[in-house]
Amino acid sequence: MMAKRNEPTKEQVEAAAGFLRDNLHLFGPQACFLETGHIDEIAYGMLRAAGKAAH
């Protein structure tokens, strides 16, 4: 469940970031262009967008 308004929790971001790190192949050949240092930010943005879409 989202904390505050559409704000993912730290635990949600960590879980989503872990999933992304473990499954970079899902991005296809473009995965080589992802800056893995920004995976947490990508995960946060994806969760926030999903939260907004759900409301």
PDB file of N, CA and C in Angstrom:
ATOM      1  N   MET A   1       0.836  -1.175   0.000  1.00  0.00           N
ATOM      2  CA  MET A   1       0.000   0.000   0.000  1.00  0.00           C
ATOM      3  C   MET A   1       0.883   1.241   0.000  1.00  0.00           C
ATOM      4  N   MET A   2       0.497   2.253  -0.734  1.00  0.00           N
ATOM      5  CA  MET A   2       1.300   3.454  -0.841  1.00  0.00           C
ATOM      6  C   MET A   2       1.180   4.289   0.434  1.00  0.00           C
ATOM      7  N   ALA A   3       2.301   4.788   0.902  1.00  0.00           N
ATOM      8  CA  ALA A   3       2.287   5.732   2.007  1.00  0.00           C
ATOM      9  C   ALA A   3       1.937   7.093   1.424  1.00  0.00           C
ATOM     10  N   LYS A   4       1.538   8.004   2.250  1.00  0.00           N
ATOM     11  CA  LYS A   4       1.176   9.343   1.781  1.00  0.00           C
ATOM     12  C   LYS A   4       0.349   9.247   0.511  1.00  0.00           C
ATOM     13  N   ARG A   5       0.486  10.212  -0.338  1.00  0.00           N
ATOM     14  CA  ARG A   5      -0.290  10.218  -1.578  1.00  0.00           C
ATOM     15  C   ARG A   5       0.608   9.802  -2.736  1.00  0.00           C
ATOM     16  N   ASN A   6       0.423   8.606  -3.214  1.00  0.00           N
ATOM     17  CA  ASN A   6       1.184   8.067  -4.340  1.00  0.00           C
ATOM     18  C   ASN A   6       2.685   7.964  -4.076  1.00  0.00           C
ATOM     19  N   GLU A   7       3.089   7.990  -2.824  1.00  0.00           N
ATOM     20  CA  GLU A   7       4.511   7.899  -2.507  1.00  0.00           C
ATOM     21  C   GLU A   7       4.857   6.468  -2.117  1.00  0.00           C
ATOM     22  N   PRO A   8       5.716   5.816  -2.889  1.00  0.00           N
ATOM     23  CA  PRO A   8       6.122   4.455  -2.531  1.00  0.00           C
ATOM     24  C   PRO A   8       6.992   4.458  -1.274  1.00  0.00           C
ATOM     25  N   THR A   9       6.897   3.397  -0.510  1.00  0.00           N
ATOM     26  CA  THR A   9       7.716   3.268   0.695  1.00  0.00           C
ATOM     27  C   THR A   9       9.138   2.875   0.300  1.00  0.00           C
ATOM     28  N   LYS A  10      10.042   3.037   1.240  1.00  0.00           N
ATOM     29  CA  LYS A  10      11.438   2.645   1.020  1.00  0.00           C
ATOM     30  C   LYS A  10      11.514   1.155   0.682  1.00  0.00           C
ATOM     31  N   GLU A  11      10.719   0.363   1.379  1.00  0.00           N
ATOM     32  CA  GLU A  11      10.721  -1.084   1.146  1.00  0.00           C
ATOM     33  C   GLU A  11      10.230  -1.423  -0.255  1.00  0.00           C
ATOM     34  N   GLN A  12       9.200  -0.719  -0.717  1.00  0.00           N
ATOM     35  CA  GLN A  12       8.690  -0.948  -2.069  1.00  0.00           C
ATOM     36  C   GLN A  12       9.740  -0.584  -3.113  1.00  0.00           C
ATOM     37  N   VAL A  13      10.420   0.544  -2.911  1.00  0.00           N
ATOM     38  CA  VAL A  13      11.454   0.973  -3.859  1.00  0.00           C
ATOM     39  C   VAL A  13      12.595  -0.037  -3.877  1.00  0.00           C
ATOM     40  N   GLU A  14      13.019  -0.494  -2.706  1.00  0.00           N
ATOM     41  CA  GLU A  14      14.105  -1.477  -2.637  1.00  0.00           C
ATOM     42  C   GLU A  14      13.719  -2.776  -3.339  1.00  0.00           C
ATOM     43  N   ALA A  15      12.488  -3.223  -3.131  1.00  0.00           N
ATOM     44  CA  ALA A  15      12.030  -4.458  -3.777  1.00  0.00           C
ATOM     45  C   ALA A  15      11.961  -4.288  -5.289  1.00  0.00           C
ATOM     46  N   ALA A  16      11.420  -3.173  -5.747  1.00  0.00           N
ATOM     47  CA  ALA A  16      11.317  -2.927  -7.187  1.00  0.00           C
ATOM     48  C   ALA A  16      12.699  -2.768  -7.813  1.00  0.00           C
ATOM     49  N   ALA A  17      13.602  -2.079  -7.120  1.00  0.00           N
ATOM     50  CA  ALA A  17      14.961  -1.904  -7.630  1.00  0.00           C
ATOM     51  C   ALA A  17      15.672  -3.251  -7.722  1.00  0.00           C
ATOM     52  N   GLY A  18      15.476  -4.102  -6.728  1.00  0.00           N
ATOM     53  CA  GLY A  18      16.061  -5.440  -6.767  1.00  0.00           C
ATOM     54  C   GLY A  18      15.546  -6.230  -7.951  1.00  0.00           C
ATOM     55  N   PHE A  19      14.246  -6.129  -8.198  1.00  0.00           N
ATOM     56  CA  PHE A  19      13.662  -6.811  -9.352  1.00  0.00           C
ATOM     57  C   PHE A  19      14.282  -6.289 -10.648  1.00  0.00           C
ATOM     58  N   LEU A  20      14.414  -4.979 -10.773  1.00  0.00           N
ATOM     59  CA  LEU A  20      15.001  -4.408 -11.993  1.00  0.00           C
ATOM     60  C   LEU A  20      16.449  -4.861 -12.174  1.00  0.00           C
ATOM     61  N   ARG A  21      17.226  -4.831 -11.088  1.00  0.00           N
ATOM     62  CA  ARG A  21      18.631  -5.264 -11.179  1.00  0.00           C
ATOM     63  C   ARG A  21      18.731  -6.727 -11.615  1.00  0.00           C
ATOM     64  N   ASP A  22      17.839  -7.551 -11.090  1.00  0.00           N
ATOM     65  CA  ASP A  22      17.861  -8.978 -11.407  1.00  0.00           C
ATOM     66  C   ASP A  22      17.314  -9.289 -12.792  1.00  0.00           C
ATOM     67  N   ASN A  23      16.612  -8.343 -13.388  1.00  0.00           N
ATOM     68  CA  ASN A  23      15.938  -8.597 -14.661  1.00  0.00           C
ATOM     69  C   ASN A  23      16.215  -7.526 -15.710  1.00  0.00           C
ATOM     70  N   LEU A  24      17.430  -7.010 -15.732  1.00  0.00           N
ATOM     71  CA  LEU A  24      17.774  -5.979 -16.715  1.00  0.00           C
ATOM     72  C   LEU A  24      17.552  -6.456 -18.144  1.00  0.00           C
ATOM     73  N   HIS A  25      17.617  -7.769 -18.343  1.00  0.00           N
ATOM     74  CA  HIS A  25      17.420  -8.317 -19.689  1.00  0.00           C
ATOM     75  C   HIS A  25      16.038  -7.982 -20.247  1.00  0.00           C
ATOM     76  N   LEU A  26      15.080  -7.664 -19.372  1.00  0.00           N
ATOM     77  CA  LEU A  26      13.731  -7.326 -19.835  1.00  0.00           C
ATOM     78  C   LEU A  26      13.715  -6.043 -20.666  1.00  0.00           C
ATOM     79  N   PHE A  27      14.742  -5.224 -20.510  1.00  0.00           N
ATOM     80  CA  PHE A  27      14.846  -3.994 -21.291  1.00  0.00           C
ATOM     81  C   PHE A  27      15.428  -4.249 -22.678  1.00  0.00           C
ATOM     82  N   GLY A  28      15.832  -5.482 -22.926  1.00  0.00           N
ATOM     83  CA  GLY A  28      16.383  -5.831 -24.234  1.00  0.00           C
ATOM     84  C   GLY A  28      17.759  -5.216 -24.441  1.00  0.00           C
ATOM     85  N   PRO A  29      18.140  -5.004 -25.709  1.00  0.00           N
ATOM     86  CA  PRO A  29      19.467  -4.468 -26.014  1.00  0.00           C
ATOM     87  C   PRO A  29      19.716  -3.091 -25.394  1.00  0.00           C
ATOM     88  N   GLN A  30      18.652  -2.371 -25.084  1.00  0.00           N
ATOM     89  CA  GLN A  30      18.797  -1.041 -24.506  1.00  0.00           C
ATOM     90  C   GLN A  30      19.305  -1.088 -23.067  1.00  0.00           C
ATOM     91  N   ALA A  31      19.294  -2.256 -22.465  1.00  0.00           N
ATOM     92  CA  ALA A  31      19.729  -2.394 -21.075  1.00  0.00           C
ATOM     93  C   ALA A  31      21.156  -1.903 -20.884  1.00  0.00           C
ATOM     94  N   CYS A  32      21.983  -2.018 -21.909  1.00  0.00           N
ATOM     95  CA  CYS A  32      23.372  -1.584 -21.774  1.00  0.00           C
ATOM     96  C   CYS A  32      23.475  -0.069 -21.601  1.00  0.00           C
ATOM     97  N   PHE A  33      22.405   0.663 -21.910  1.00  0.00           N
ATOM     98  CA  PHE A  33      22.426   2.116 -21.773  1.00  0.00           C
ATOM     99  C   PHE A  33      21.890   2.591 -20.424  1.00  0.00           C
ATOM    100  N   LEU A  34      21.345   1.675 -19.630  1.00  0.00           N
ATOM    101  CA  LEU A  34      20.829   2.055 -18.316  1.00  0.00           C
ATOM    102  C   LEU A  34      21.980   2.300 -17.356  1.00  0.00           C
ATOM    103  N   GLU A  35      21.894   3.380 -16.630  1.00  0.00           N
ATOM    104  CA  GLU A  35      22.882   3.649 -15.594  1.00  0.00           C
ATOM    105  C   GLU A  35      22.411   2.931 -14.335  1.00  0.00           C
ATOM    106  N   THR A  36      23.081   1.852 -13.995  1.00  0.00           N
ATOM    107  CA  THR A  36      22.614   1.029 -12.883  1.00  0.00           C
ATOM    108  C   THR A  36      22.664   1.776 -11.555  1.00  0.00           C
ATOM    109  N   GLY A  37      23.424   2.847 -11.474  1.00  0.00           N
ATOM    110  CA  GLY A  37      23.439   3.664 -10.268  1.00  0.00           C
ATOM    111  C   GLY A  37      22.134   4.404 -10.049  1.00  0.00           C
ATOM    112  N   HIS A  38      21.294   4.428 -11.076  1.00  0.00           N
ATOM    113  CA  HIS A  38      20.019   5.137 -10.993  1.00  0.00           C
ATOM    114  C   HIS A  38      18.821   4.188 -10.931  1.00  0.00           C
ATOM    115  N   ILE A  39      19.071   2.915 -10.697  1.00  0.00           N
ATOM    116  CA  ILE A  39      17.984   1.935 -10.662  1.00  0.00           C
ATOM    117  C   ILE A  39      16.959   2.286  -9.582  1.00  0.00           C
ATOM    118  N   ASP A  40      17.419   2.755  -8.423  1.00  0.00           N
ATOM    119  CA  ASP A  40      16.478   3.122  -7.356  1.00  0.00           C
ATOM    120  C   ASP A  40      15.561   4.251  -7.811  1.00  0.00           C
ATOM    121  N   GLU A  41      16.117   5.228  -8.520  1.00  0.00           N
ATOM    122  CA  GLU A  41      15.310   6.346  -9.019  1.00  0.00           C
ATOM    123  C   GLU A  41      14.303   5.865 -10.063  1.00  0.00           C
ATOM    124  N   ILE A  42      14.734   4.956 -10.913  1.00  0.00           N
ATOM    125  CA  ILE A  42      13.830   4.394 -11.924  1.00  0.00           C
ATOM    126  C   ILE A  42      12.698   3.636 -11.230  1.00  0.00           C
ATOM    127  N   ALA A  43      13.053   2.815 -10.247  1.00  0.00           N
ATOM    128  CA  ALA A  43      12.045   2.043  -9.507  1.00  0.00           C
ATOM    129  C   ALA A  43      11.063   2.978  -8.805  1.00  0.00           C
ATOM    130  N   TYR A  44      11.569   4.028  -8.178  1.00  0.00           N
ATOM    131  CA  TYR A  44      10.709   4.997  -7.492  1.00  0.00           C
ATOM    132  C   TYR A  44       9.742   5.641  -8.484  1.00  0.00           C
ATOM    133  N   GLY A  45      10.256   6.060  -9.621  1.00  0.00           N
ATOM    134  CA  GLY A  45       9.409   6.690 -10.631  1.00  0.00           C
ATOM    135  C   GLY A  45       8.344   5.754 -11.166  1.00  0.00           C
ATOM    136  N   MET A  46       8.714   4.511 -11.376  1.00  0.00           N
ATOM    137  CA  MET A  46       7.747   3.530 -11.877  1.00  0.00           C
ATOM    138  C   MET A  46       6.648   3.277 -10.845  1.00  0.00           C
ATOM    139  N   LEU A  47       7.029   3.130  -9.586  1.00  0.00           N
ATOM    140  CA  LEU A  47       6.033   2.899  -8.539  1.00  0.00           C
ATOM    141  C   LEU A  47       5.125   4.112  -8.357  1.00  0.00           C
ATOM    142  N   ARG A  48       5.702   5.286  -8.438  1.00  0.00           N
ATOM    143  CA  ARG A  48       4.900   6.510  -8.285  1.00  0.00           C
ATOM    144  C   ARG A  48       3.899   6.643  -9.433  1.00  0.00           C
ATOM    145  N   ALA A  49       4.360   6.365 -10.651  1.00  0.00           N
ATOM    146  CA  ALA A  49       3.462   6.426 -11.808  1.00  0.00           C
ATOM    147  C   ALA A  49       2.344   5.394 -11.684  1.00  0.00           C
ATOM    148  N   ALA A  50       2.693   4.205 -11.221  1.00  0.00           N
ATOM    149  CA  ALA A  50       1.672   3.165 -11.043  1.00  0.00           C
ATOM    150  C   ALA A  50       0.657   3.582  -9.984  1.00  0.00           C
ATOM    151  N   GLY A  51       1.123   4.214  -8.927  1.00  0.00           N
ATOM    152  CA  GLY A  51       0.220   4.686  -7.884  1.00  0.00           C
ATOM    153  C   GLY A  51      -0.736   5.749  -8.400  1.00  0.00           C
ATOM    154  N   LYS A  52      -0.220   6.653  -9.216  1.00  0.00           N
ATOM    155  CA  LYS A  52      -1.075   7.700  -9.794  1.00  0.00           C
ATOM    156  C   LYS A  52      -2.089   7.096 -10.753  1.00  0.00           C
ATOM    157  N   ALA A  53      -1.656   6.125 -11.537  1.00  0.00           N
ATOM    158  CA  ALA A  53      -2.556   5.497 -12.513  1.00  0.00           C
ATOM    159  C   ALA A  53      -3.680   4.729 -11.818  1.00  0.00           C
ATOM    160  N   ALA A  54      -3.405   4.231 -10.633  1.00  0.00           N
ATOM    161  CA  ALA A  54      -4.400   3.447  -9.901  1.00  0.00           C
ATOM    162  C   ALA A  54      -5.482   4.319  -9.268  1.00  0.00           C
ATOM    163  N   HIS A  55      -5.246   5.622  -9.221  1.00  0.00           N
ATOM    164  CA  HIS A  55      -6.229   6.515  -8.576  1.00  0.00           C
ATOM    165  C   HIS A  55      -6.987   7.302  -9.587  1.00  0.00           C
TER     166      HIS A  55
END
